[in-house]
Amino acid sequence: QVQLVESGGGLVQPGGSLRLSCAASGSIRSFDAVGWYRQAPGKQRELVILLSKFIGTNYADSVKGRFTISRDDANDTLYLQMNSLKPEDTAVYYCNVKRGRLDYWGKGTRVTVSS
């Protein structure tokens, strides 16, 4: 069973930055895809960024140019660097990894963008 633990969320002002982390219990190199999703209040969960071995990196249009995914394979940690944050980025952010048809999720970390 894969365990994912997110951290780094919090309250930030519009225009600010945050870096989220996701620590995985297994080698992130073993997964077919790793990435981040988010769920805003009253909305469905949506893709933020997904890094796939097969199709490359897929970004939501709303975060292109502002959010960046990175990974530390030695420490099995995934990061989401978020810059120029907007109030509409307010959501719970979830780490996700995929292996074949299986999806694994963290419990999420809350990001609130507000003045």
N, C-alpha and C. Protein backbone atom coordinates (compact mmCIF):
# COMPACT_ATOMS: atom_id res chain seq x y z
N GLN A 1 0.84 -1.18 0.00
CA GLN A 1 0.00 0.00 0.00
C GLN A 1 0.89 1.25 0.00
N VAL A 2 0.58 2.17 -0.88
CA VAL A 2 1.36 3.40 -1.00
C VAL A 2 0.75 4.45 -0.08
N GLN A 3 1.60 5.12 0.67
CA GLN A 3 1.14 6.22 1.50
C GLN A 3 1.77 7.51 1.01
N LEU A 4 0.94 8.54 0.95
CA LEU A 4 1.37 9.86 0.50
C LEU A 4 1.00 10.88 1.56
N VAL A 5 1.94 11.72 1.95
CA VAL A 5 1.68 12.72 2.97
C VAL A 5 2.06 14.09 2.44
N GLU A 6 1.06 14.95 2.29
CA GLU A 6 1.29 16.31 1.81
C GLU A 6 1.57 17.25 2.98
N SER A 7 2.30 18.30 2.66
CA SER A 7 2.55 19.36 3.64
C SER A 7 2.84 20.65 2.90
N GLY A 8 2.82 21.76 3.64
CA GLY A 8 3.20 23.03 3.06
C GLY A 8 2.06 23.98 2.78
N GLY A 9 0.83 23.53 3.00
CA GLY A 9 -0.30 24.42 2.75
C GLY A 9 -0.40 25.50 3.81
N GLY A 10 -1.30 26.45 3.57
CA GLY A 10 -1.50 27.52 4.52
C GLY A 10 -2.21 28.69 3.91
N LEU A 11 -2.15 29.80 4.60
CA LEU A 11 -2.76 31.04 4.15
C LEU A 11 -1.70 31.93 3.52
N VAL A 12 -2.00 32.43 2.34
CA VAL A 12 -1.05 33.29 1.64
C VAL A 12 -1.83 34.42 0.96
N GLN A 13 -1.20 35.57 0.83
CA GLN A 13 -1.85 36.70 0.17
C GLN A 13 -1.80 36.53 -1.34
N PRO A 14 -2.73 37.15 -2.05
CA PRO A 14 -2.67 37.13 -3.51
C PRO A 14 -1.32 37.64 -4.00
N GLY A 15 -0.77 36.94 -4.99
CA GLY A 15 0.55 37.29 -5.51
C GLY A 15 1.68 36.57 -4.82
N GLY A 16 1.39 35.91 -3.73
CA GLY A 16 2.41 35.21 -2.97
C GLY A 16 2.74 33.84 -3.53
N SER A 17 3.62 33.14 -2.82
CA SER A 17 4.08 31.82 -3.25
C SER A 17 4.00 30.82 -2.10
N LEU A 18 3.85 29.56 -2.49
CA LEU A 18 3.91 28.45 -1.55
C LEU A 18 4.56 27.28 -2.26
N ARG A 19 5.20 26.42 -1.49
CA ARG A 19 5.71 25.17 -2.03
C ARG A 19 5.11 24.03 -1.23
N LEU A 20 4.39 23.17 -1.93
CA LEU A 20 3.82 21.98 -1.31
C LEU A 20 4.77 20.81 -1.49
N SER A 21 4.77 19.93 -0.51
CA SER A 21 5.59 18.72 -0.57
C SER A 21 4.70 17.50 -0.42
N CYS A 22 5.14 16.41 -1.01
CA CYS A 22 4.44 15.14 -0.89
C CYS A 22 5.48 14.05 -0.68
N ALA A 23 5.48 13.48 0.50
CA ALA A 23 6.40 12.39 0.81
C ALA A 23 5.72 11.07 0.54
N ALA A 24 6.38 10.23 -0.27
CA ALA A 24 5.82 8.93 -0.64
C ALA A 24 6.49 7.82 0.15
N SER A 25 5.71 6.77 0.42
CA SER A 25 6.27 5.64 1.17
C SER A 25 7.08 4.72 0.29
N GLY A 26 6.92 4.84 -1.03
CA GLY A 26 7.68 4.01 -1.94
C GLY A 26 8.47 4.86 -2.91
N SER A 27 9.25 4.20 -3.74
CA SER A 27 10.06 4.92 -4.71
C SER A 27 9.17 5.59 -5.74
N ILE A 28 9.27 6.93 -5.84
CA ILE A 28 8.42 7.61 -6.81
C ILE A 28 8.84 7.28 -8.24
N ARG A 29 10.06 6.77 -8.41
CA ARG A 29 10.49 6.37 -9.74
C ARG A 29 9.72 5.14 -10.25
N SER A 30 9.10 4.43 -9.33
CA SER A 30 8.39 3.21 -9.71
C SER A 30 6.99 3.49 -10.26
N PHE A 31 6.52 4.73 -10.14
CA PHE A 31 5.16 5.04 -10.56
C PHE A 31 5.12 5.48 -12.03
N ASP A 32 4.00 5.20 -12.64
CA ASP A 32 3.82 5.59 -14.04
C ASP A 32 3.59 7.09 -14.18
N ALA A 33 2.98 7.67 -13.16
CA ALA A 33 2.70 9.10 -13.19
C ALA A 33 2.63 9.63 -11.75
N VAL A 34 3.05 10.86 -11.58
CA VAL A 34 2.95 11.53 -10.29
C VAL A 34 2.43 12.94 -10.53
N GLY A 35 1.69 13.46 -9.58
CA GLY A 35 1.18 14.80 -9.80
C GLY A 35 0.34 15.34 -8.68
N TRP A 36 -0.34 16.43 -8.98
CA TRP A 36 -1.15 17.15 -8.02
C TRP A 36 -2.52 17.45 -8.60
N TYR A 37 -3.52 17.30 -7.75
CA TYR A 37 -4.89 17.69 -8.06
C TYR A 37 -5.35 18.65 -6.97
N ARG A 38 -6.47 19.31 -7.21
CA ARG A 38 -7.03 20.20 -6.18
C ARG A 38 -8.54 20.15 -6.23
N GLN A 39 -9.13 20.49 -5.09
CA GLN A 39 -10.58 20.55 -5.01
C GLN A 39 -10.96 21.81 -4.25
N ALA A 40 -11.59 22.72 -4.97
CA ALA A 40 -12.07 23.96 -4.37
C ALA A 40 -13.43 23.72 -3.73
N PRO A 41 -13.81 24.58 -2.78
CA PRO A 41 -15.12 24.40 -2.12
C PRO A 41 -16.26 24.37 -3.13
N GLY A 42 -17.08 23.34 -3.04
CA GLY A 42 -18.23 23.23 -3.91
C GLY A 42 -17.94 22.79 -5.33
N LYS A 43 -16.70 22.40 -5.59
CA LYS A 43 -16.33 22.00 -6.95
C LYS A 43 -15.74 20.60 -6.96
N GLN A 44 -15.66 20.04 -8.15
CA GLN A 44 -15.07 18.71 -8.29
C GLN A 44 -13.54 18.80 -8.26
N ARG A 45 -12.93 17.69 -7.92
CA ARG A 45 -11.47 17.63 -7.93
C ARG A 45 -10.99 17.77 -9.36
N GLU A 46 -9.93 18.54 -9.54
CA GLU A 46 -9.41 18.77 -10.88
C GLU A 46 -7.90 18.60 -10.91
N LEU A 47 -7.41 18.28 -12.10
CA LEU A 47 -5.98 18.13 -12.30
C LEU A 47 -5.30 19.49 -12.21
N VAL A 48 -4.17 19.53 -11.52
CA VAL A 48 -3.30 20.71 -11.52
C VAL A 48 -2.12 20.44 -12.46
N ILE A 49 -1.33 19.45 -12.10
CA ILE A 49 -0.18 19.06 -12.92
C ILE A 49 0.02 17.56 -12.78
N LEU A 50 0.29 16.91 -13.89
CA LEU A 50 0.60 15.48 -13.88
C LEU A 50 1.84 15.23 -14.70
N LEU A 51 2.79 14.51 -14.12
CA LEU A 51 4.03 14.17 -14.79
C LEU A 51 3.99 12.67 -15.09
N SER A 52 3.87 12.33 -16.35
CA SER A 52 3.70 10.93 -16.77
C SER A 52 4.92 10.44 -17.51
N LYS A 53 5.28 9.16 -17.27
CA LYS A 53 6.38 8.55 -18.01
C LYS A 53 6.06 8.46 -19.49
N PHE A 54 4.79 8.40 -19.83
CA PHE A 54 4.36 8.09 -21.20
C PHE A 54 3.96 9.31 -22.00
N ILE A 55 3.40 10.33 -21.32
CA ILE A 55 2.88 11.47 -22.09
C ILE A 55 3.48 12.80 -21.66
N GLY A 56 4.48 12.75 -20.80
CA GLY A 56 5.11 14.00 -20.39
C GLY A 56 4.33 14.71 -19.31
N THR A 57 4.39 16.04 -19.33
CA THR A 57 3.76 16.85 -18.29
C THR A 57 2.48 17.49 -18.81
N ASN A 58 1.44 17.36 -18.02
CA ASN A 58 0.15 17.93 -18.37
C ASN A 58 -0.24 18.96 -17.31
N TYR A 59 -0.46 20.19 -17.73
CA TYR A 59 -0.81 21.28 -16.82
C TYR A 59 -2.25 21.73 -17.05
N ALA A 60 -2.92 22.11 -16.00
CA ALA A 60 -4.19 22.82 -16.16
C ALA A 60 -3.87 24.20 -16.73
N ASP A 61 -4.70 24.66 -17.65
CA ASP A 61 -4.45 25.96 -18.29
C ASP A 61 -4.36 27.08 -17.25
N SER A 62 -5.12 26.96 -16.20
CA SER A 62 -5.19 28.03 -15.21
C SER A 62 -3.90 28.20 -14.41
N VAL A 63 -3.00 27.20 -14.45
CA VAL A 63 -1.78 27.30 -13.65
C VAL A 63 -0.51 27.39 -14.50
N LYS A 64 -0.66 27.31 -15.81
CA LYS A 64 0.52 27.38 -16.67
C LYS A 64 1.26 28.69 -16.46
N GLY A 65 2.58 28.57 -16.33
CA GLY A 65 3.40 29.75 -16.13
C GLY A 65 3.50 30.18 -14.67
N ARG A 66 2.70 29.58 -13.81
CA ARG A 66 2.72 29.95 -12.40
C ARG A 66 3.12 28.78 -11.49
N PHE A 67 2.71 27.59 -11.83
CA PHE A 67 2.98 26.41 -10.99
C PHE A 67 4.00 25.52 -11.69
N THR A 68 4.85 24.90 -10.87
CA THR A 68 5.87 23.99 -11.39
C THR A 68 5.93 22.74 -10.52
N ILE A 69 6.03 21.59 -11.17
CA ILE A 69 6.20 20.34 -10.45
C ILE A 69 7.66 19.94 -10.49
N SER A 70 8.14 19.38 -9.39
CA SER A 70 9.50 18.85 -9.37
C SER A 70 9.51 17.63 -8.45
N ARG A 71 10.61 16.91 -8.53
CA ARG A 71 10.69 15.67 -7.75
C ARG A 71 12.10 15.45 -7.24
N ASP A 72 12.19 14.86 -6.07
CA ASP A 72 13.46 14.46 -5.48
C ASP A 72 13.41 12.95 -5.34
N ASP A 73 13.95 12.28 -6.35
CA ASP A 73 13.86 10.81 -6.36
C ASP A 73 14.62 10.18 -5.20
N ALA A 74 15.70 10.81 -4.79
CA ALA A 74 16.51 10.23 -3.71
C ALA A 74 15.72 10.18 -2.40
N ASN A 75 14.82 11.14 -2.24
CA ASN A 75 14.05 11.20 -1.00
C ASN A 75 12.57 10.88 -1.20
N ASP A 76 12.24 10.42 -2.42
CA ASP A 76 10.85 10.02 -2.72
C ASP A 76 9.87 11.13 -2.36
N THR A 77 10.17 12.32 -2.81
CA THR A 77 9.35 13.47 -2.50
C THR A 77 9.00 14.22 -3.78
N LEU A 78 7.77 14.63 -3.83
CA LEU A 78 7.25 15.40 -4.96
C LEU A 78 6.94 16.81 -4.46
N TYR A 79 7.18 17.81 -5.30
CA TYR A 79 6.93 19.19 -4.91
C TYR A 79 6.01 19.88 -5.90
N LEU A 80 5.31 20.88 -5.39
CA LEU A 80 4.53 21.77 -6.25
C LEU A 80 4.87 23.20 -5.84
N GLN A 81 5.59 23.88 -6.71
CA GLN A 81 5.91 25.29 -6.47
C GLN A 81 4.81 26.14 -7.09
N MET A 82 4.20 26.96 -6.26
CA MET A 82 3.08 27.79 -6.71
C MET A 82 3.45 29.24 -6.55
N ASN A 83 3.49 29.96 -7.65
CA ASN A 83 3.83 31.39 -7.64
C ASN A 83 2.64 32.20 -8.14
N SER A 84 2.68 33.48 -7.86
CA SER A 84 1.62 34.40 -8.32
C SER A 84 0.24 33.86 -7.97
N LEU A 85 0.07 33.46 -6.76
CA LEU A 85 -1.18 32.83 -6.35
C LEU A 85 -2.35 33.79 -6.42
N LYS A 86 -3.50 33.23 -6.78
CA LYS A 86 -4.73 33.99 -6.92
C LYS A 86 -5.78 33.43 -5.97
N PRO A 87 -6.78 34.24 -5.61
CA PRO A 87 -7.84 33.71 -4.75
C PRO A 87 -8.50 32.44 -5.31
N GLU A 88 -8.58 32.34 -6.62
CA GLU A 88 -9.20 31.16 -7.23
C GLU A 88 -8.33 29.91 -7.12
N ASP A 89 -7.12 30.03 -6.63
CA ASP A 89 -6.28 28.86 -6.36
C ASP A 89 -6.61 28.24 -5.00
N THR A 90 -7.47 28.88 -4.24
CA THR A 90 -7.86 28.34 -2.94
C THR A 90 -8.52 26.98 -3.11
N ALA A 91 -7.97 25.98 -2.43
CA ALA A 91 -8.46 24.61 -2.57
C ALA A 91 -7.69 23.71 -1.62
N VAL A 92 -8.15 22.49 -1.53
CA VAL A 92 -7.35 21.44 -0.91
C VAL A 92 -6.55 20.77 -2.02
N TYR A 93 -5.26 20.67 -1.83
CA TYR A 93 -4.37 20.12 -2.85
C TYR A 93 -3.98 18.69 -2.47
N TYR A 94 -4.13 17.79 -3.43
CA TYR A 94 -3.88 16.38 -3.21
C TYR A 94 -2.72 15.88 -4.07
N CYS A 95 -1.86 15.14 -3.45
CA CYS A 95 -0.81 14.43 -4.18
C CYS A 95 -1.40 13.15 -4.75
N ASN A 96 -0.98 12.80 -5.95
CA ASN A 96 -1.50 11.60 -6.62
C ASN A 96 -0.37 10.87 -7.33
N VAL A 97 -0.38 9.55 -7.22
CA VAL A 97 0.52 8.73 -8.01
C VAL A 97 -0.29 7.61 -8.64
N LYS A 98 0.18 7.16 -9.80
CA LYS A 98 -0.53 6.14 -10.54
C LYS A 98 0.43 5.00 -10.88
N ARG A 99 -0.10 3.80 -10.79
CA ARG A 99 0.66 2.62 -11.21
C ARG A 99 -0.33 1.71 -11.91
N GLY A 100 -0.19 1.59 -13.22
CA GLY A 100 -1.17 0.84 -13.98
C GLY A 100 -2.53 1.49 -13.86
N ARG A 101 -3.51 0.70 -13.41
CA ARG A 101 -4.86 1.24 -13.25
C ARG A 101 -5.13 1.73 -11.83
N LEU A 102 -4.13 1.71 -11.00
CA LEU A 102 -4.32 2.09 -9.61
C LEU A 102 -3.94 3.54 -9.37
N ASP A 103 -4.77 4.21 -8.58
CA ASP A 103 -4.52 5.58 -8.16
C ASP A 103 -4.34 5.60 -6.65
N TYR A 104 -3.35 6.36 -6.21
CA TYR A 104 -3.12 6.53 -4.79
C TYR A 104 -3.17 8.02 -4.48
N TRP A 105 -3.81 8.32 -3.33
CA TRP A 105 -4.02 9.72 -2.96
C TRP A 105 -3.54 10.00 -1.55
N GLY A 106 -3.04 11.22 -1.35
CA GLY A 106 -2.80 11.69 -0.01
C GLY A 106 -4.09 12.25 0.56
N LYS A 107 -4.01 12.72 1.80
CA LYS A 107 -5.20 13.26 2.46
C LYS A 107 -5.41 14.73 2.15
N GLY A 108 -4.43 15.36 1.54
CA GLY A 108 -4.58 16.73 1.11
C GLY A 108 -4.01 17.75 2.08
N THR A 109 -3.69 18.91 1.52
CA THR A 109 -3.24 20.05 2.33
C THR A 109 -3.99 21.29 1.81
N ARG A 110 -4.46 22.09 2.73
CA ARG A 110 -5.33 23.21 2.35
C ARG A 110 -4.50 24.45 2.04
N VAL A 111 -4.85 25.07 0.93
CA VAL A 111 -4.23 26.33 0.53
C VAL A 111 -5.33 27.39 0.44
N THR A 112 -5.13 28.48 1.14
CA THR A 112 -6.08 29.59 1.11
C THR A 112 -5.35 30.84 0.65
N VAL A 113 -5.86 31.43 -0.41
CA VAL A 113 -5.28 32.65 -0.95
C VAL A 113 -6.25 33.79 -0.68
N SER A 114 -5.86 34.67 0.21
CA SER A 114 -6.77 35.74 0.63
C SER A 114 -5.97 36.86 1.26
N SER A 115 -6.49 38.07 1.08
CA SER A 115 -5.88 39.23 1.72
C SER A 115 -6.53 39.51 3.07
